[in-house]
Structures are given as structure tokens and as C-alpha cells.
PDB file of all heavy atoms in Angstrom:
ATOM      1  N   LEU A   1      -6.815 -18.502 -30.277  1.00  0.00           N
ATOM      2  CA  LEU A   1      -6.525 -17.130 -29.916  1.00  0.00           C
ATOM      3  C   LEU A   1      -7.604 -16.399 -29.154  1.00  0.00           C
ATOM      4  O   LEU A   1      -7.229 -15.695 -28.164  1.00  0.00           O
ATOM      5  CB  LEU A   1      -6.379 -16.428 -31.326  1.00  0.00           C
ATOM      6  CG  LEU A   1      -6.031 -15.000 -31.295  1.00  0.00           C
ATOM      7  CD1 LEU A   1      -4.600 -14.780 -30.616  1.00  0.00           C
ATOM      8  CD2 LEU A   1      -5.886 -14.391 -32.822  1.00  0.00           C
ATOM      9  N   PRO A   2      -8.929 -16.601 -29.409  1.00  0.00           N
ATOM     10  CA  PRO A   2     -10.054 -15.883 -28.568  1.00  0.00           C
ATOM     11  C   PRO A   2      -9.791 -16.073 -27.139  1.00  0.00           C
ATOM     12  O   PRO A   2      -9.880 -15.242 -26.297  1.00  0.00           O
ATOM     13  CB  PRO A   2     -11.210 -16.412 -29.193  1.00  0.00           C
ATOM     14  CG  PRO A   2     -10.920 -16.856 -30.594  1.00  0.00           C
ATOM     15  CD  PRO A   2      -9.457 -17.331 -30.471  1.00  0.00           C
ATOM     16  N   GLN A   3      -9.603 -17.310 -26.788  1.00  0.00           N
ATOM     17  CA  GLN A   3      -9.562 -17.743 -25.412  1.00  0.00           C
ATOM     18  C   GLN A   3      -8.275 -17.194 -24.693  1.00  0.00           C
ATOM     19  O   GLN A   3      -8.245 -16.830 -23.632  1.00  0.00           O
ATOM     20  CB  GLN A   3      -9.637 -19.284 -25.214  1.00  0.00           C
ATOM     21  CG  GLN A   3      -9.802 -19.664 -23.693  1.00  0.00           C
ATOM     22  CD  GLN A   3     -11.133 -19.126 -23.111  1.00  0.00           C
ATOM     23  OE1 GLN A   3     -12.195 -19.335 -23.655  1.00  0.00           O
ATOM     24  NE2 GLN A   3     -10.974 -18.430 -22.059  1.00  0.00           N
ATOM     25  N   TRP A   4      -7.202 -17.283 -25.537  1.00  0.00           N
ATOM     26  CA  TRP A   4      -5.927 -16.784 -25.009  1.00  0.00           C
ATOM     27  C   TRP A   4      -6.004 -15.322 -24.641  1.00  0.00           C
ATOM     28  O   TRP A   4      -5.616 -14.846 -23.582  1.00  0.00           O
ATOM     29  CB  TRP A   4      -4.837 -16.898 -26.128  1.00  0.00           C
ATOM     30  CG  TRP A   4      -3.950 -18.003 -26.046  1.00  0.00           C
ATOM     31  CD1 TRP A   4      -3.798 -18.837 -25.000  1.00  0.00           C
ATOM     32  CD2 TRP A   4      -3.163 -18.469 -27.084  1.00  0.00           C
ATOM     33  NE1 TRP A   4      -2.827 -19.809 -25.346  1.00  0.00           N
ATOM     34  CE2 TRP A   4      -2.468 -19.604 -26.681  1.00  0.00           C
ATOM     35  CE3 TRP A   4      -2.873 -18.043 -28.373  1.00  0.00           C
ATOM     36  CZ2 TRP A   4      -1.518 -20.467 -27.379  1.00  0.00           C
ATOM     37  CZ3 TRP A   4      -2.002 -18.809 -29.206  1.00  0.00           C
ATOM     38  CH2 TRP A   4      -1.332 -19.978 -28.788  1.00  0.00           C
ATOM     39  N   LEU A   5      -6.680 -14.497 -25.505  1.00  0.00           N
ATOM     40  CA  LEU A   5      -6.868 -13.086 -25.337  1.00  0.00           C
ATOM     41  C   LEU A   5      -7.705 -12.780 -24.111  1.00  0.00           C
ATOM     42  O   LEU A   5      -7.444 -11.899 -23.368  1.00  0.00           O
ATOM     43  CB  LEU A   5      -7.339 -12.447 -26.556  1.00  0.00           C
ATOM     44  CG  LEU A   5      -6.459 -12.402 -27.788  1.00  0.00           C
ATOM     45  CD1 LEU A   5      -7.041 -11.842 -29.075  1.00  0.00           C
ATOM     46  CD2 LEU A   5      -5.119 -11.539 -27.386  1.00  0.00           C
ATOM     47  N   ILE A   6      -8.795 -13.576 -23.925  1.00  0.00           N
ATOM     48  CA  ILE A   6      -9.624 -13.468 -22.753  1.00  0.00           C
ATOM     49  C   ILE A   6      -8.912 -13.659 -21.554  1.00  0.00           C
ATOM     50  O   ILE A   6      -8.984 -12.996 -20.513  1.00  0.00           O
ATOM     51  CB  ILE A   6     -10.869 -14.414 -22.890  1.00  0.00           C
ATOM     52  CG1 ILE A   6     -11.853 -13.906 -24.001  1.00  0.00           C
ATOM     53  CG2 ILE A   6     -11.668 -14.398 -21.504  1.00  0.00           C
ATOM     54  CD1 ILE A   6     -12.925 -14.946 -24.397  1.00  0.00           C
ATOM     55  N   ASP A   7      -8.242 -14.822 -21.446  1.00  0.00           N
ATOM     56  CA  ASP A   7      -7.358 -15.261 -20.363  1.00  0.00           C
ATOM     57  C   ASP A   7      -6.290 -14.218 -20.029  1.00  0.00           C
ATOM     58  O   ASP A   7      -6.061 -13.839 -18.852  1.00  0.00           O
ATOM     59  CB  ASP A   7      -6.758 -16.603 -20.570  1.00  0.00           C
ATOM     60  CG  ASP A   7      -7.746 -17.671 -20.595  1.00  0.00           C
ATOM     61  OD1 ASP A   7      -8.982 -17.533 -20.300  1.00  0.00           O
ATOM     62  OD2 ASP A   7      -7.351 -18.855 -21.096  1.00  0.00           O
ATOM     63  N   LEU A   8      -5.644 -13.700 -21.056  1.00  0.00           N
ATOM     64  CA  LEU A   8      -4.632 -12.711 -20.884  1.00  0.00           C
ATOM     65  C   LEU A   8      -5.133 -11.393 -20.346  1.00  0.00           C
ATOM     66  O   LEU A   8      -4.568 -10.907 -19.344  1.00  0.00           O
ATOM     67  CB  LEU A   8      -3.876 -12.532 -22.126  1.00  0.00           C
ATOM     68  CG  LEU A   8      -2.669 -11.564 -22.068  1.00  0.00           C
ATOM     69  CD1 LEU A   8      -1.640 -11.943 -20.993  1.00  0.00           C
ATOM     70  CD2 LEU A   8      -1.903 -11.553 -23.460  1.00  0.00           C
ATOM     71  N   ARG A   9      -6.252 -11.012 -20.880  1.00  0.00           N
ATOM     72  CA  ARG A   9      -6.894  -9.687 -20.408  1.00  0.00           C
ATOM     73  C   ARG A   9      -7.252  -9.836 -18.853  1.00  0.00           C
ATOM     74  O   ARG A   9      -6.954  -8.922 -18.099  1.00  0.00           O
ATOM     75  CB  ARG A   9      -8.132  -9.424 -21.202  1.00  0.00           C
ATOM     76  CG  ARG A   9      -8.880  -8.070 -20.754  1.00  0.00           C
ATOM     77  CD  ARG A   9     -10.318  -8.082 -21.216  1.00  0.00           C
ATOM     78  NE  ARG A   9     -10.274  -7.860 -22.723  1.00  0.00           N
ATOM     79  CZ  ARG A   9     -10.121  -6.736 -23.370  1.00  0.00           C
ATOM     80  NH1 ARG A   9      -9.949  -5.625 -22.676  1.00  0.00           N
ATOM     81  NH2 ARG A   9     -10.186  -6.631 -24.687  1.00  0.00           N
ATOM     82  N   GLN A  10      -7.826 -11.011 -18.494  1.00  0.00           N
ATOM     83  CA  GLN A  10      -8.261 -11.206 -17.157  1.00  0.00           C
ATOM     84  C   GLN A  10      -6.957 -11.230 -16.172  1.00  0.00           C
ATOM     85  O   GLN A  10      -7.067 -10.743 -15.134  1.00  0.00           O
ATOM     86  CB  GLN A  10      -9.116 -12.461 -17.038  1.00  0.00           C
ATOM     87  CG  GLN A  10     -10.489 -12.240 -17.556  1.00  0.00           C
ATOM     88  CD  GLN A  10     -11.321 -13.556 -17.695  1.00  0.00           C
ATOM     89  OE1 GLN A  10     -10.780 -14.636 -17.610  1.00  0.00           O
ATOM     90  NE2 GLN A  10     -12.586 -13.375 -17.828  1.00  0.00           N
ATOM     91  N   ALA A  11      -5.973 -11.857 -16.659  1.00  0.00           N
ATOM     92  CA  ALA A  11      -4.758 -12.089 -15.867  1.00  0.00           C
ATOM     93  C   ALA A  11      -4.118 -10.685 -15.630  1.00  0.00           C
ATOM     94  O   ALA A  11      -3.638 -10.312 -14.508  1.00  0.00           O
ATOM     95  CB  ALA A  11      -3.681 -13.002 -16.530  1.00  0.00           C
ATOM     96  N   ILE A  12      -4.170  -9.856 -16.620  1.00  0.00           N
ATOM     97  CA  ILE A  12      -3.598  -8.485 -16.505  1.00  0.00           C
ATOM     98  C   ILE A  12      -4.542  -7.685 -15.561  1.00  0.00           C
ATOM     99  O   ILE A  12      -3.984  -6.921 -14.536  1.00  0.00           O
ATOM    100  CB  ILE A  12      -3.456  -7.776 -17.848  1.00  0.00           C
ATOM    101  CG1 ILE A  12      -2.387  -8.425 -18.761  1.00  0.00           C
ATOM    102  CG2 ILE A  12      -3.075  -6.298 -17.676  1.00  0.00           C
ATOM    103  CD1 ILE A  12      -2.328  -8.046 -20.137  1.00  0.00           C
ATOM    104  N   GLU A  13      -5.849  -7.710 -15.820  1.00  0.00           N
ATOM    105  CA  GLU A  13      -6.734  -6.941 -14.872  1.00  0.00           C
ATOM    106  C   GLU A  13      -6.623  -7.369 -13.411  1.00  0.00           C
ATOM    107  O   GLU A  13      -6.716  -6.563 -12.512  1.00  0.00           O
ATOM    108  CB  GLU A  13      -8.104  -7.185 -15.429  1.00  0.00           C
ATOM    109  CG  GLU A  13      -8.547  -6.332 -16.659  1.00  0.00           C
ATOM    110  CD  GLU A  13      -9.811  -6.612 -17.311  1.00  0.00           C
ATOM    111  OE1 GLU A  13     -10.552  -7.536 -16.787  1.00  0.00           O
ATOM    112  OE2 GLU A  13     -10.084  -5.903 -18.200  1.00  0.00           O
ATOM    113  N   ALA A  14      -6.322  -8.710 -13.263  1.00  0.00           N
ATOM    114  CA  ALA A  14      -6.212  -9.331 -11.890  1.00  0.00           C
ATOM    115  C   ALA A  14      -4.800  -9.002 -11.340  1.00  0.00           C
ATOM    116  O   ALA A  14      -4.559  -9.357 -10.190  1.00  0.00           O
ATOM    117  CB  ALA A  14      -6.483 -10.775 -11.921  1.00  0.00           C
ATOM    118  N   GLN A  15      -3.901  -8.447 -12.212  1.00  0.00           N
ATOM    119  CA  GLN A  15      -2.567  -8.183 -11.810  1.00  0.00           C
ATOM    120  C   GLN A  15      -1.919  -9.502 -11.380  1.00  0.00           C
ATOM    121  O   GLN A  15      -1.129  -9.473 -10.365  1.00  0.00           O
ATOM    122  CB  GLN A  15      -2.400  -7.067 -10.785  1.00  0.00           C
ATOM    123  CG  GLN A  15      -3.073  -5.753 -11.341  1.00  0.00           C
ATOM    124  CD  GLN A  15      -2.573  -4.529 -10.535  1.00  0.00           C
ATOM    125  OE1 GLN A  15      -1.851  -4.670  -9.600  1.00  0.00           O
ATOM    126  NE2 GLN A  15      -2.869  -3.367 -11.075  1.00  0.00           N
ATOM    127  N   ASP A  16      -2.216 -10.597 -12.073  1.00  0.00           N
ATOM    128  CA  ASP A  16      -1.610 -11.856 -11.765  1.00  0.00           C
ATOM    129  C   ASP A  16      -0.289 -11.966 -12.539  1.00  0.00           C
ATOM    130  O   ASP A  16      -0.292 -12.358 -13.823  1.00  0.00           O
ATOM    131  CB  ASP A  16      -2.684 -12.997 -12.265  1.00  0.00           C
ATOM    132  CG  ASP A  16      -2.171 -14.323 -11.948  1.00  0.00           C
ATOM    133  OD1 ASP A  16      -0.898 -14.593 -11.966  1.00  0.00           O
ATOM    134  OD2 ASP A  16      -3.042 -15.311 -11.762  1.00  0.00           O
ATOM    135  N   GLN A  17       0.852 -11.722 -11.923  1.00  0.00           N
ATOM    136  CA  GLN A  17       2.127 -11.589 -12.596  1.00  0.00           C
ATOM    137  C   GLN A  17       2.514 -12.948 -13.259  1.00  0.00           C
ATOM    138  O   GLN A  17       2.800 -12.918 -14.417  1.00  0.00           O
ATOM    139  CB  GLN A  17       3.107 -11.114 -11.482  1.00  0.00           C
ATOM    140  CG  GLN A  17       4.505 -10.763 -12.143  1.00  0.00           C
ATOM    141  CD  GLN A  17       5.535 -11.940 -12.185  1.00  0.00           C
ATOM    142  OE1 GLN A  17       5.292 -12.981 -11.593  1.00  0.00           O
ATOM    143  NE2 GLN A  17       6.554 -11.868 -12.942  1.00  0.00           N
ATOM    144  N   PRO A  18       2.434 -14.017 -12.571  1.00  0.00           N
ATOM    145  CA  PRO A  18       2.968 -15.279 -13.257  1.00  0.00           C
ATOM    146  C   PRO A  18       2.123 -15.738 -14.385  1.00  0.00           C
ATOM    147  O   PRO A  18       2.599 -16.163 -15.410  1.00  0.00           O
ATOM    148  CB  PRO A  18       2.872 -16.407 -12.082  1.00  0.00           C
ATOM    149  CG  PRO A  18       2.660 -15.575 -10.812  1.00  0.00           C
ATOM    150  CD  PRO A  18       2.126 -14.367 -11.146  1.00  0.00           C
ATOM    151  N   LEU A  19       0.743 -15.519 -14.251  1.00  0.00           N
ATOM    152  CA  LEU A  19      -0.177 -16.013 -15.358  1.00  0.00           C
ATOM    153  C   LEU A  19      -0.051 -15.091 -16.531  1.00  0.00           C
ATOM    154  O   LEU A  19       0.010 -15.518 -17.612  1.00  0.00           O
ATOM    155  CB  LEU A  19      -1.557 -16.125 -14.824  1.00  0.00           C
ATOM    156  CG  LEU A  19      -2.623 -16.623 -15.810  1.00  0.00           C
ATOM    157  CD1 LEU A  19      -2.242 -18.012 -16.406  1.00  0.00           C
ATOM    158  CD2 LEU A  19      -4.034 -16.553 -15.306  1.00  0.00           C
ATOM    159  N   SER A  20      -0.067 -13.778 -16.268  1.00  0.00           N
ATOM    160  CA  SER A  20       0.009 -12.900 -17.374  1.00  0.00           C
ATOM    161  C   SER A  20       1.342 -13.035 -18.114  1.00  0.00           C
ATOM    162  O   SER A  20       1.386 -12.938 -19.364  1.00  0.00           O
ATOM    163  CB  SER A  20      -0.266 -11.378 -17.017  1.00  0.00           C
ATOM    164  OG  SER A  20       0.576 -11.034 -15.915  1.00  0.00           O
ATOM    165  N   LYS A  21       2.473 -13.216 -17.412  1.00  0.00           N
ATOM    166  CA  LYS A  21       3.708 -13.450 -18.012  1.00  0.00           C
ATOM    167  C   LYS A  21       3.736 -14.633 -18.963  1.00  0.00           C
ATOM    168  O   LYS A  21       4.220 -14.703 -20.121  1.00  0.00           O
ATOM    169  CB  LYS A  21       4.834 -13.520 -17.022  1.00  0.00           C
ATOM    170  CG  LYS A  21       6.231 -13.730 -17.604  1.00  0.00           C
ATOM    171  CD  LYS A  21       7.210 -13.966 -16.489  1.00  0.00           C
ATOM    172  CE  LYS A  21       8.588 -14.178 -17.021  1.00  0.00           C
ATOM    173  NZ  LYS A  21       8.758 -15.213 -18.075  1.00  0.00           N
ATOM    174  N   ARG A  22       3.160 -15.720 -18.389  1.00  0.00           N
ATOM    175  CA  ARG A  22       3.163 -17.029 -19.003  1.00  0.00           C
ATOM    176  C   ARG A  22       2.353 -16.928 -20.277  1.00  0.00           C
ATOM    177  O   ARG A  22       2.681 -17.424 -21.446  1.00  0.00           O
ATOM    178  CB  ARG A  22       2.663 -18.133 -18.129  1.00  0.00           C
ATOM    179  CG  ARG A  22       2.725 -19.540 -18.811  1.00  0.00           C
ATOM    180  CD  ARG A  22       2.441 -20.621 -17.676  1.00  0.00           C
ATOM    181  NE  ARG A  22       1.260 -20.538 -17.046  1.00  0.00           N
ATOM    182  CZ  ARG A  22       0.074 -20.876 -17.544  1.00  0.00           C
ATOM    183  NH1 ARG A  22       0.002 -21.351 -18.769  1.00  0.00           N
ATOM    184  NH2 ARG A  22      -1.033 -20.803 -16.830  1.00  0.00           N
ATOM    185  N   LEU A  23       1.118 -16.361 -20.236  1.00  0.00           N
ATOM    186  CA  LEU A  23       0.226 -16.248 -21.351  1.00  0.00           C
ATOM    187  C   LEU A  23       0.809 -15.356 -22.481  1.00  0.00           C
ATOM    188  O   LEU A  23       0.819 -15.642 -23.659  1.00  0.00           O
ATOM    189  CB  LEU A  23      -1.184 -15.663 -20.949  1.00  0.00           C
ATOM    190  CG  LEU A  23      -2.017 -16.682 -20.167  1.00  0.00           C
ATOM    191  CD1 LEU A  23      -3.088 -15.904 -19.503  1.00  0.00           C
ATOM    192  CD2 LEU A  23      -2.460 -17.775 -21.058  1.00  0.00           C
ATOM    193  N   ALA A  24       1.452 -14.269 -22.006  1.00  0.00           N
ATOM    194  CA  ALA A  24       2.106 -13.395 -23.075  1.00  0.00           C
ATOM    195  C   ALA A  24       3.209 -14.225 -23.676  1.00  0.00           C
ATOM    196  O   ALA A  24       3.457 -13.935 -24.915  1.00  0.00           O
ATOM    197  CB  ALA A  24       2.610 -12.080 -22.365  1.00  0.00           C
ATOM    198  N   HIS A  25       3.963 -14.992 -23.000  1.00  0.00           N
ATOM    199  CA  HIS A  25       5.109 -15.729 -23.475  1.00  0.00           C
ATOM    200  C   HIS A  25       4.601 -16.677 -24.606  1.00  0.00           C
ATOM    201  O   HIS A  25       5.170 -16.853 -25.640  1.00  0.00           O
ATOM    202  CB  HIS A  25       5.798 -16.444 -22.428  1.00  0.00           C
ATOM    203  CG  HIS A  25       6.983 -17.207 -22.800  1.00  0.00           C
ATOM    204  ND1 HIS A  25       8.229 -16.611 -23.076  1.00  0.00           N
ATOM    205  CD2 HIS A  25       7.096 -18.542 -23.093  1.00  0.00           C
ATOM    206  CE1 HIS A  25       9.024 -17.605 -23.450  1.00  0.00           C
ATOM    207  NE2 HIS A  25       8.467 -18.629 -23.504  1.00  0.00           N
ATOM    208  N   THR A  26       3.536 -17.381 -24.297  1.00  0.00           N
ATOM    209  CA  THR A  26       2.947 -18.322 -25.142  1.00  0.00           C
ATOM    210  C   THR A  26       2.550 -17.666 -26.433  1.00  0.00           C
ATOM    211  O   THR A  26       2.776 -18.151 -27.581  1.00  0.00           O
ATOM    212  CB  THR A  26       1.686 -19.032 -24.455  1.00  0.00           C
ATOM    213  OG1 THR A  26       2.112 -19.580 -23.316  1.00  0.00           O
ATOM    214  CG2 THR A  26       1.104 -20.108 -25.355  1.00  0.00           C
ATOM    215  N   LEU A  27       1.829 -16.601 -26.351  1.00  0.00           N
ATOM    216  CA  LEU A  27       1.321 -15.884 -27.508  1.00  0.00           C
ATOM    217  C   LEU A  27       2.455 -15.330 -28.287  1.00  0.00           C
ATOM    218  O   LEU A  27       2.418 -15.438 -29.455  1.00  0.00           O
ATOM    219  CB  LEU A  27       0.470 -14.639 -26.913  1.00  0.00           C
ATOM    220  CG  LEU A  27      -0.540 -14.058 -27.928  1.00  0.00           C
ATOM    221  CD1 LEU A  27      -1.436 -15.054 -28.649  1.00  0.00           C
ATOM    222  CD2 LEU A  27      -1.441 -13.052 -27.124  1.00  0.00           C
ATOM    223  N   LYS A  28       3.492 -14.892 -27.633  1.00  0.00           N
ATOM    224  CA  LYS A  28       4.732 -14.331 -28.279  1.00  0.00           C
ATOM    225  C   LYS A  28       5.366 -15.555 -29.209  1.00  0.00           C
ATOM    226  O   LYS A  28       5.628 -15.251 -30.384  1.00  0.00           O
ATOM    227  CB  LYS A  28       5.731 -13.857 -27.349  1.00  0.00           C
ATOM    228  CG  LYS A  28       7.133 -13.468 -27.994  1.00  0.00           C
ATOM    229  CD  LYS A  28       8.156 -13.148 -27.023  1.00  0.00           C
ATOM    230  CE  LYS A  28       8.654 -14.471 -26.303  1.00  0.00           C
ATOM    231  NZ  LYS A  28       9.634 -14.254 -25.234  1.00  0.00           N
ATOM    232  N   GLY A  29       5.415 -16.657 -28.625  1.00  0.00           N
ATOM    233  CA  GLY A  29       5.919 -17.887 -29.309  1.00  0.00           C
ATOM    234  C   GLY A  29       5.121 -18.135 -30.539  1.00  0.00           C
ATOM    235  O   GLY A  29       5.726 -18.444 -31.686  1.00  0.00           O
ATOM    236  N   SER A  30       3.798 -18.102 -30.411  1.00  0.00           N
ATOM    237  CA  SER A  30       2.921 -18.410 -31.615  1.00  0.00           C
ATOM    238  C   SER A  30       2.983 -17.262 -32.655  1.00  0.00           C
ATOM    239  O   SER A  30       3.095 -17.579 -33.842  1.00  0.00           O
ATOM    240  CB  SER A  30       1.515 -18.556 -31.075  1.00  0.00           C
ATOM    241  OG  SER A  30       1.373 -19.752 -30.503  1.00  0.00           O
ATOM    242  N   LEU A  31       3.066 -16.094 -32.274  1.00  0.00           N
ATOM    243  CA  LEU A  31       3.158 -14.955 -33.146  1.00  0.00           C
ATOM    244  C   LEU A  31       4.538 -15.011 -33.909  1.00  0.00           C
ATOM    245  O   LEU A  31       4.655 -14.696 -35.074  1.00  0.00           O
ATOM    246  CB  LEU A  31       2.944 -13.630 -32.486  1.00  0.00           C
ATOM    247  CG  LEU A  31       1.637 -13.330 -32.005  1.00  0.00           C
ATOM    248  CD1 LEU A  31       1.515 -12.208 -31.035  1.00  0.00           C
ATOM    249  CD2 LEU A  31       0.596 -13.047 -33.130  1.00  0.00           C
ATOM    250  N   ARG A  32       5.529 -15.370 -33.240  1.00  0.00           N
ATOM    251  CA  ARG A  32       6.915 -15.393 -33.756  1.00  0.00           C
ATOM    252  C   ARG A  32       7.016 -16.443 -34.881  1.00  0.00           C
ATOM    253  O   ARG A  32       7.769 -16.306 -35.874  1.00  0.00           O
ATOM    254  CB  ARG A  32       7.926 -15.684 -32.679  1.00  0.00           C
ATOM    255  CG  ARG A  32       9.304 -15.566 -33.078  1.00  0.00           C
ATOM    256  CD  ARG A  32      10.240 -15.484 -31.882  1.00  0.00           C
ATOM    257  NE  ARG A  32      10.242 -14.175 -31.395  1.00  0.00           N
ATOM    258  CZ  ARG A  32      10.719 -13.846 -30.064  1.00  0.00           C
ATOM    259  NH1 ARG A  32      11.115 -14.852 -29.332  1.00  0.00           N
ATOM    260  NH2 ARG A  32      10.796 -12.690 -29.678  1.00  0.00           N
ATOM    261  N   GLN A  33       6.262 -17.566 -34.728  1.00  0.00           N
ATOM    262  CA  GLN A  33       6.372 -18.615 -35.832  1.00  0.00           C
ATOM    263  C   GLN A  33       5.809 -18.062 -37.126  1.00  0.00           C
ATOM    264  O   GLN A  33       6.102 -18.566 -38.210  1.00  0.00           O
ATOM    265  CB  GLN A  33       5.712 -19.908 -35.387  1.00  0.00           C
ATOM    266  CG  GLN A  33       4.324 -19.917 -35.331  1.00  0.00           C
ATOM    267  CD  GLN A  33       3.627 -21.201 -34.815  1.00  0.00           C
ATOM    268  OE1 GLN A  33       4.337 -22.094 -34.404  1.00  0.00           O
ATOM    269  NE2 GLN A  33       2.351 -21.303 -34.713  1.00  0.00           N
ATOM    270  N   PHE A  34       5.005 -17.024 -37.071  1.00  0.00           N
ATOM    271  CA  PHE A  34       4.500 -16.516 -38.320  1.00  0.00           C
ATOM    272  C   PHE A  34       5.266 -15.252 -38.806  1.00  0.00           C
ATOM    273  O   PHE A  34       4.934 -14.548 -39.702  1.00  0.00           O
ATOM    274  CB  PHE A  34       2.969 -16.015 -38.163  1.00  0.00           C
ATOM    275  CG  PHE A  34       2.119 -17.245 -37.764  1.00  0.00           C
ATOM    276  CD1 PHE A  34       1.407 -17.165 -36.606  1.00  0.00           C
ATOM    277  CD2 PHE A  34       2.074 -18.340 -38.578  1.00  0.00           C
ATOM    278  CE1 PHE A  34       0.598 -18.277 -36.274  1.00  0.00           C
ATOM    279  CE2 PHE A  34       1.209 -19.422 -38.263  1.00  0.00           C
ATOM    280  CZ  PHE A  34       0.477 -19.415 -37.109  1.00  0.00           C
ATOM    281  N   GLY A  35       6.344 -15.035 -38.045  1.00  0.00           N
ATOM    282  CA  GLY A  35       7.331 -13.940 -38.571  1.00  0.00           C
ATOM    283  C   GLY A  35       6.701 -12.555 -38.465  1.00  0.00           C
ATOM    284  O   GLY A  35       6.872 -11.708 -39.348  1.00  0.00           O
ATOM    285  N   THR A  36       5.733 -12.432 -37.456  1.00  0.00           N
ATOM    286  CA  THR A  36       5.023 -11.119 -37.493  1.00  0.00           C
ATOM    287  C   THR A  36       5.520 -10.206 -36.343  1.00  0.00           C
ATOM    288  O   THR A  36       5.971 -10.626 -35.364  1.00  0.00           O
ATOM    289  CB  THR A  36       3.531 -11.455 -37.152  1.00  0.00           C
ATOM    290  OG1 THR A  36       2.858 -10.183 -36.831  1.00  0.00           O
ATOM    291  CG2 THR A  36       3.378 -12.396 -36.035  1.00  0.00           C
ATOM    292  N   ALA A  37       5.407  -8.862 -36.714  1.00  0.00           N
ATOM    293  CA  ALA A  37       5.948  -7.849 -35.751  1.00  0.00           C
ATOM    294  C   ALA A  37       5.124  -7.781 -34.488  1.00  0.00           C
ATOM    295  O   ALA A  37       5.577  -7.360 -33.493  1.00  0.00           O
ATOM    296  CB  ALA A  37       5.858  -6.464 -36.419  1.00  0.00           C
ATOM    297  N   ALA A  38       3.888  -8.411 -34.504  1.00  0.00           N
ATOM    298  CA  ALA A  38       3.101  -8.534 -33.296  1.00  0.00           C
ATOM    299  C   ALA A  38       3.775  -9.313 -32.165  1.00  0.00           C
ATOM    300  O   ALA A  38       3.593  -9.026 -30.981  1.00  0.00           O
ATOM    301  CB  ALA A  38       1.836  -9.144 -33.617  1.00  0.00           C
ATOM    302  N   ALA A  39       4.757 -10.146 -32.625  1.00  0.00           N
ATOM    303  CA  ALA A  39       5.520 -10.815 -31.647  1.00  0.00           C
ATOM    304  C   ALA A  39       6.380  -9.938 -30.730  1.00  0.00           C
ATOM    305  O   ALA A  39       6.512 -10.177 -29.566  1.00  0.00           O
ATOM    306  CB  ALA A  39       6.383 -11.882 -32.364  1.00  0.00           C
ATOM    307  N   THR A  40       6.828  -8.794 -31.319  1.00  0.00           N
ATOM    308  CA  THR A  40       7.516  -7.846 -30.575  1.00  0.00           C
ATOM    309  C   THR A  40       6.741  -7.095 -29.505  1.00  0.00           C
ATOM    310  O   THR A  40       7.089  -6.853 -28.398  1.00  0.00           O
ATOM    311  CB  THR A  40       8.130  -6.726 -31.593  1.00  0.00           C
ATOM    312  OG1 THR A  40       8.850  -7.333 -32.605  1.00  0.00           O
ATOM    313  CG2 THR A  40       9.095  -5.789 -30.842  1.00  0.00           C
TER     314      THR A  40
END
């Protein structure tokens, strides 16, 4: 998680569309497996 969040923050700040989308997608998948609203 910590590295994911660092990478995602940097991707968003850099306005890197493919990377920020991919990282958000990965995070969503992990959050979803815990049935958490954070996945939304």
C-alpha cells in the first residue's frame, strides 16, 4: 500500500494518464476483495 499510494500520487501530479489509471485500477481490485466502500 505505501508504495502504491506514493506511485499513484506521483502519476496524478505528473498527469500521467495511463499510469494513474492502471494504479487506480490495481488499488480498486485490492480494495474490492475486502468488500470495502473505498473501492468505489
